[in-house]
Protein backbone atom coordinates (compact mmCIF):
# COMPACT_ATOMS: atom_id res chain seq x y z
CA UNK A 1 -3.41 12.91 14.03
CA UNK A 2 -1.61 9.61 14.56
CA UNK A 3 0.17 9.85 17.93
CA UNK A 4 3.92 9.46 17.56
CA UNK A 5 4.03 6.77 20.23
CA UNK A 6 1.68 4.62 18.15
CA UNK A 7 4.43 4.27 15.56
CA UNK A 8 6.94 3.05 18.15
CA UNK A 9 4.37 0.67 19.61
CA UNK A 10 3.59 -0.66 16.14
CA UNK A 11 7.27 -1.18 15.37
CA UNK A 12 7.75 -3.22 18.55
CA UNK A 13 4.51 -5.16 18.06
CA UNK A 14 5.16 -6.32 14.50
CA UNK A 15 8.97 -6.68 14.61
CA UNK A 16 8.93 -10.45 15.31
CA UNK A 17 6.68 -11.08 12.30
CA UNK A 18 8.04 -8.87 9.49
CA UNK A 19 11.27 -8.25 7.63
CA UNK A 20 13.23 -5.05 7.89
CA UNK A 21 13.42 -4.51 4.15
CA UNK A 22 16.45 -3.32 2.26
CA UNK A 23 17.09 0.31 1.35
CA UNK A 24 19.37 0.63 -1.68
CA UNK A 25 20.84 3.52 -3.63
CA UNK A 26 20.83 4.12 -7.37
CA UNK A 27 23.55 6.72 -7.86
CA UNK A 28 22.64 7.31 -11.48
CA UNK A 29 19.07 8.29 -10.69
CA UNK A 30 20.09 9.74 -7.31
CA UNK A 31 17.35 7.85 -5.51
CA UNK A 32 17.01 5.43 -2.63
CA UNK A 33 14.61 2.52 -2.99
CA UNK A 34 12.82 0.82 -0.11
CA UNK A 35 12.04 -2.71 -1.31
CA UNK A 36 8.78 -3.68 0.39
CA UNK A 37 8.23 -6.21 -2.39
CA UNK A 38 10.61 -8.31 -0.28
CA UNK A 39 8.33 -8.05 2.75
CA UNK A 40 6.54 -11.10 4.15
CA UNK A 41 3.50 -11.71 1.90
CA UNK A 42 5.31 -9.65 -0.76
CA UNK A 43 3.82 -6.33 0.28
CA UNK A 44 3.99 -3.54 2.87
CA UNK A 45 0.36 -4.29 3.73
CA UNK A 46 1.45 -6.95 6.20
CA UNK A 47 2.70 -4.18 8.51
CA UNK A 48 -0.64 -2.45 9.00
CA UNK A 49 -2.68 -5.65 9.08
CA UNK A 50 -0.45 -7.26 11.70
CA UNK A 51 -0.39 -4.17 13.87
CA UNK A 52 -4.16 -3.84 13.81
CA UNK A 53 -4.94 -7.49 14.50
CA UNK A 54 -2.28 -7.96 17.18
CA UNK A 55 -3.58 -4.85 18.96
CA UNK A 56 -7.13 -6.22 19.15
CA UNK A 57 -8.64 -7.72 22.27
CA UNK A 58 -8.82 -11.52 22.21
CA UNK A 59 -12.61 -11.45 21.92
CA UNK A 60 -12.35 -9.15 18.89
CA UNK A 61 -9.95 -11.55 17.21
CA UNK A 62 -12.01 -14.62 17.98
CA UNK A 63 -15.20 -13.04 16.65
CA UNK A 64 -13.63 -13.41 13.21
CA UNK A 65 -11.80 -10.93 11.01
CA UNK A 66 -13.38 -9.43 7.90
CA UNK A 67 -11.72 -7.26 5.28
CA UNK A 68 -11.83 -6.21 1.65
CA UNK A 69 -8.76 -6.38 -0.51
CA UNK A 70 -7.33 -6.45 -3.99
CA UNK A 71 -5.07 -9.10 -2.52
CA UNK A 72 -2.16 -7.69 -0.54
CA UNK A 73 -4.01 -6.45 2.54
CA UNK A 74 -6.01 -9.67 2.53
CA UNK A 75 -2.78 -11.65 2.73
CA UNK A 76 -1.65 -9.52 5.66
CA UNK A 77 -4.90 -10.07 7.54
CA UNK A 78 -4.81 -13.79 6.75
CA UNK A 79 -1.27 -14.02 8.13
CA UNK A 80 -2.31 -12.14 11.25
CA UNK A 81 -5.33 -14.40 11.61
CA UNK A 82 -3.09 -17.46 11.55
CA UNK A 83 -0.90 -15.97 14.28
CA UNK A 84 -3.82 -15.38 16.65
CA UNK A 85 -5.97 -18.33 15.60
CA UNK A 86 -8.77 -16.20 14.16
CA UNK A 87 -10.90 -17.00 11.09
CA UNK A 88 -10.52 -14.52 8.23
CA UNK A 89 -12.98 -13.62 5.49
CA UNK A 90 -11.82 -11.45 2.60
CA UNK A 91 -14.16 -9.79 0.12
CA UNK A 92 -12.54 -9.24 -3.26
CA UNK A 93 -13.55 -8.12 -6.70
CA UNK A 94 -14.19 -10.93 -9.13
CA UNK A 95 -11.47 -9.23 -11.22
CA UNK A 96 -8.84 -9.71 -8.49
CA UNK A 97 -5.40 -10.95 -9.56
CA UNK A 98 -5.55 -14.78 -9.42
CA UNK A 99 -2.12 -15.19 -7.81
CA UNK A 100 -3.14 -12.82 -5.00
CA UNK A 101 -6.38 -14.74 -4.46
CA UNK A 102 -4.43 -18.00 -4.31
CA UNK A 103 -2.04 -16.50 -1.77
CA UNK A 104 -4.88 -15.32 0.49
CA UNK A 105 -6.47 -18.75 0.38
CA UNK A 106 -3.17 -20.52 1.02
CA UNK A 107 -2.85 -18.47 4.22
CA UNK A 108 -6.24 -19.77 5.34
CA UNK A 109 -8.56 -16.94 4.36
CA UNK A 110 -12.03 -17.53 2.97
CA UNK A 111 -12.35 -15.36 -0.14
CA UNK A 112 -15.79 -14.14 -1.19
CA UNK A 113 -16.05 -12.59 -4.64
CA UNK A 114 -18.14 -9.54 -5.43
CA UNK A 115 -19.19 -8.61 -8.96
CA UNK A 116 -17.59 -5.29 -9.85
CA UNK A 117 -14.67 -3.31 -8.48
CA UNK A 118 -13.01 -2.75 -5.13
CA UNK A 119 -15.47 -0.09 -3.95
CA UNK A 120 -18.38 -2.55 -3.97
CA UNK A 121 -16.27 -5.28 -2.36
CA UNK A 122 -15.40 -2.92 0.50
CA UNK A 123 -19.00 -1.82 1.05
CA UNK A 124 -20.17 -5.45 1.02
CA UNK A 125 -17.49 -6.45 3.52
CA UNK A 126 -18.34 -3.64 5.94
CA UNK A 127 -22.01 -4.62 5.86
CA UNK A 128 -21.17 -8.31 6.32
CA UNK A 129 -18.95 -7.61 9.34
CA UNK A 130 -21.70 -5.54 10.97
CA UNK A 131 -24.39 -8.15 10.34
CA UNK A 132 -22.24 -11.06 11.57
CA UNK A 133 -20.82 -9.04 14.49
CA UNK A 134 -17.31 -9.77 13.30
CA UNK A 135 -14.29 -7.45 13.40
CA UNK A 136 -13.79 -5.19 10.40
CA UNK A 137 -10.13 -4.63 9.47
CA UNK A 138 -9.94 -1.72 7.03
CA UNK A 139 -7.04 -1.65 4.57
CA UNK A 140 -6.46 2.05 5.32
CA UNK A 141 -9.23 3.74 7.36
CA UNK A 142 -7.88 2.81 10.79
CA UNK A 143 -5.35 4.45 13.08
CA UNK A 144 -3.55 1.21 13.95
CA UNK A 145 -3.30 0.19 10.29
CA UNK A 146 -1.88 3.62 9.46
CA UNK A 147 0.61 3.36 12.34
CA UNK A 148 1.75 -0.03 11.09
CA UNK A 149 2.38 1.35 7.61
CA UNK A 150 4.25 4.25 9.18
CA UNK A 151 6.93 1.86 10.43
CA UNK A 152 8.32 1.96 6.88
CA UNK A 153 9.12 5.60 7.51
CA UNK A 154 10.81 4.85 10.83
CA UNK A 155 13.11 2.31 9.17
CA UNK A 156 14.12 4.65 6.36
CA UNK A 157 14.78 7.51 8.79
CA UNK A 158 17.06 5.21 10.80
CA UNK A 159 18.88 3.95 7.70
CA UNK A 160 19.15 7.35 5.99
CA UNK A 161 19.53 10.04 8.65
CA UNK A 162 20.30 12.94 6.28
CA UNK A 163 16.98 14.12 4.82
CA UNK A 164 17.72 17.72 3.76
CA UNK A 165 16.40 18.39 0.26
CA UNK A 166 14.98 14.88 -0.02
CA UNK A 167 11.62 14.02 -1.60
CA UNK A 168 9.78 10.92 -0.43
CA UNK A 169 7.69 9.23 -3.12
CA UNK A 170 4.90 6.96 -1.89
CA UNK A 171 2.20 4.98 -3.72
CA UNK A 172 -1.30 6.07 -2.71
CA UNK A 173 -4.68 4.40 -2.99
CA UNK A 174 -6.71 4.72 0.20
CA UNK A 175 -3.86 6.69 1.75
CA UNK A 176 -2.86 4.53 4.71
CA UNK A 177 0.83 4.30 3.85
CA UNK A 178 1.07 7.95 2.82
CA UNK A 179 -0.56 9.03 6.09
CA UNK A 180 1.62 6.72 8.17
CA UNK A 181 4.85 7.84 6.54
CA UNK A 182 3.70 11.44 6.87
CA UNK A 183 3.31 10.90 10.61
CA UNK A 184 6.80 9.39 10.80
CA UNK A 185 8.30 12.35 8.95
CA UNK A 186 7.01 14.70 11.63
CA UNK A 187 10.10 13.56 13.55
CA UNK A 188 12.47 14.90 10.89
CA UNK A 189 13.69 18.50 10.72
CA UNK A 190 13.81 19.92 8.17
CA UNK A 191 10.89 17.81 7.03
CA UNK A 192 11.35 16.18 3.60
CA UNK A 193 8.89 16.81 0.80
CA UNK A 194 6.23 14.05 0.68
CA UNK A 195 4.60 13.12 -2.62
CA UNK A 196 1.94 10.51 -3.30
CA UNK A 197 1.62 8.78 -6.66
CA UNK A 198 -1.33 6.95 -8.13
CA UNK A 199 -2.48 5.75 -11.56
CA UNK A 200 -4.31 8.11 -13.89
CA UNK A 201 -6.79 5.27 -14.45
CA UNK A 202 -8.09 5.43 -10.86
CA UNK A 203 -7.25 8.85 -9.44
CA UNK A 204 -9.61 8.99 -6.46
CA UNK A 205 -7.25 10.33 -3.79
CA UNK A 206 -5.86 12.82 -6.30
CA UNK A 207 -9.38 14.17 -6.80
CA UNK A 208 -10.04 14.31 -3.06
CA UNK A 209 -6.75 16.11 -2.47
CA UNK A 210 -7.21 18.75 -5.15
CA UNK A 211 -10.96 19.30 -5.33
CA UNK A 212 -12.34 17.71 -2.19
CA UNK A 213 -14.56 15.25 -4.03
CA UNK A 214 -14.21 11.93 -5.82
CA UNK A 215 -17.45 12.22 -7.74
CA UNK A 216 -17.26 11.36 -11.44
CA UNK A 217 -13.75 9.90 -11.17
CA UNK A 218 -13.18 7.10 -13.65
CA UNK A 219 -12.27 3.69 -12.22
CA UNK A 220 -10.58 2.03 -15.18
CA UNK A 221 -8.51 -1.16 -15.29
CA UNK A 222 -4.95 -0.52 -14.16
CA UNK A 223 -1.72 -2.41 -13.61
CA UNK A 224 -1.76 -0.80 -10.16
CA UNK A 225 -4.76 -2.83 -9.02
CA UNK A 226 -3.92 -2.37 -5.35
CA UNK A 227 -4.35 1.41 -5.69
CA UNK A 228 -7.65 1.36 -7.52
CA UNK A 229 -11.15 2.13 -6.31
CA UNK A 230 -12.89 4.90 -4.42
CA UNK A 231 -11.88 5.88 -0.89
CA UNK A 232 -14.35 5.12 1.91
CA UNK A 233 -16.46 8.19 2.65
CA UNK A 234 -15.21 10.01 5.73
CA UNK A 235 -11.97 8.03 5.82
CA UNK A 236 -9.44 9.12 8.41
CA UNK A 237 -6.83 9.14 5.68
CA UNK A 238 -8.42 11.98 3.70
CA UNK A 239 -7.58 14.80 6.15
CA UNK A 240 -4.26 13.15 7.04
CA UNK A 241 -3.18 13.03 3.39
CA UNK A 242 -4.19 16.66 2.98
CA UNK A 243 -2.18 17.53 6.07
CA UNK A 244 0.99 15.59 5.29
CA UNK A 245 1.29 15.37 1.49
CA UNK A 246 2.87 18.18 -0.53
CA UNK A 247 1.57 16.85 -3.84
CA UNK A 248 -0.14 13.88 -5.45
CA UNK A 249 1.05 12.92 -8.91
CA UNK A 250 -0.51 10.73 -11.58
CA UNK A 251 1.28 8.28 -13.85
CA UNK A 252 0.18 6.51 -17.00
CA UNK A 253 -0.27 2.79 -17.55
CA UNK A 254 2.67 2.82 -19.95
CA UNK A 255 4.78 4.55 -17.34
CA UNK A 256 3.85 1.92 -14.77
CA UNK A 257 4.64 -0.90 -17.18
CA UNK A 258 8.01 0.58 -18.06
CA UNK A 259 8.86 0.99 -14.38
CA UNK A 260 8.05 -2.67 -13.71
CA UNK A 261 10.44 -3.69 -16.48
CA UNK A 262 13.10 -1.18 -15.38
CA UNK A 263 13.07 -2.63 -11.85
CA UNK A 264 13.57 -6.12 -13.25
CA UNK A 265 16.36 -5.24 -15.67
CA UNK A 266 18.28 -2.76 -13.53
CA UNK A 267 17.76 -4.10 -10.02
CA UNK A 268 16.66 -7.71 -10.53
CA UNK A 269 13.50 -6.96 -8.55
CA UNK A 270 10.07 -8.27 -9.49
CA UNK A 271 7.52 -5.61 -8.57
CA UNK A 272 3.82 -5.13 -9.17
CA UNK A 273 2.09 -2.15 -10.70
CA UNK A 274 1.06 -0.67 -7.36
CA UNK A 275 4.66 -0.82 -6.21
CA UNK A 276 5.99 0.68 -9.44
CA UNK A 277 4.13 4.01 -9.51
CA UNK A 278 6.78 5.90 -7.52
CA UNK A 279 9.57 4.65 -9.76
CA UNK A 280 7.41 5.52 -12.77
CA UNK A 281 7.15 9.11 -11.53
CA UNK A 282 10.94 9.28 -11.21
CA UNK A 283 11.52 7.82 -14.68
CA UNK A 284 9.01 10.28 -16.14
CA UNK A 285 10.93 13.15 -14.49
CA UNK A 286 7.94 14.15 -12.36
CA UNK A 287 9.99 13.99 -9.17
CA UNK A 288 13.16 15.90 -8.36
CA UNK A 289 16.06 13.98 -6.88
CA UNK A 290 17.39 13.14 -4.40
CA UNK A 291 14.41 11.00 -3.52
CA UNK A 292 13.31 8.05 -1.44
CA UNK A 293 11.04 5.78 -3.46
CA UNK A 294 8.84 3.27 -1.66
CA UNK A 295 8.39 0.12 -3.74
CA UNK A 296 5.34 -1.20 -1.97
CA UNK A 297 4.80 -4.68 -3.37
CA UNK A 298 5.85 -7.45 -5.72
CA UNK A 299 2.78 -9.65 -6.17
CA UNK A 300 2.41 -9.45 -9.92
CA UNK A 301 0.81 -12.19 -11.99
CA UNK A 302 3.78 -14.01 -13.64
CA UNK A 303 2.38 -13.93 -17.15
CA UNK A 304 1.67 -10.19 -16.84
CA UNK A 305 5.28 -9.60 -15.84
CA UNK A 306 6.51 -11.71 -18.75
CA UNK A 307 4.28 -9.87 -21.22
CA UNK A 308 5.49 -6.46 -20.04
CA UNK A 309 9.13 -7.51 -20.31
CA UNK A 310 8.47 -8.68 -23.86
CA UNK A 311 6.52 -5.54 -24.78
CA UNK A 312 9.24 -3.16 -23.65
CA UNK A 313 12.27 -5.26 -24.55
CA UNK A 314 13.35 -2.92 -27.37
CA UNK A 315 11.99 0.33 -25.98
């Protein structure tokens, strides 16, 4: 369990450093959209990273911060490192999105590339932190990170008090945001339905949720790069997701691409694949309205966005 007071402490701790992002309504789709693509660093990940790092003892910060990231969490840790004057090392796949790598480096992080996918980058980072006696900052497997992500839920609850019959739709990779929002929704009665969404191409949490194992799950290239890769064995998020989530849905790469373009054309919002999976589930009629859709990030490579808009311009 994530203690309820941790969420309030996280909200107070990170408030000076984040944006309270906009919640808008699309009456036609009968959904509300929480635009975390407009968050500092362009992603919700700044919430959990800031909460974790700012909660550390000074000696833990000064030892150096180490993480693994597809790019968004790494930016959050790098930002937090700048605030407390701590060096930051991020391990990333050599396939990481270039614009996300550039952003991490521009915030002062040292980026070390690992051949292969996110799973290997995470394992390498954990080992490096232990060997160097530096502070490991998990993207999801940490109570303070989860509490930071849960502040999204607190904001939506405050902005949208009536929750009866509502479904909340949340992107899920390692499960930190889904677990945090699930903890926040414990305050709501009747409790809304909570649904996680991830890409078919990398359905690790889906497999853990439904069959208790992620063995033999394919890890294929996906537009939702921030949701890809296996979940750390024994992660705190696994039982929390099982406890809080009512379902985990999968969406196709085409569905993700169409959702990215839909957000641009209908809302004027540039979003990345990881942030688009919830909207994709709505557009594919996999979610009943009314719904709250968390759009978790907007850090998409510009040429990828342009190519998707061209591909689906007549469809």
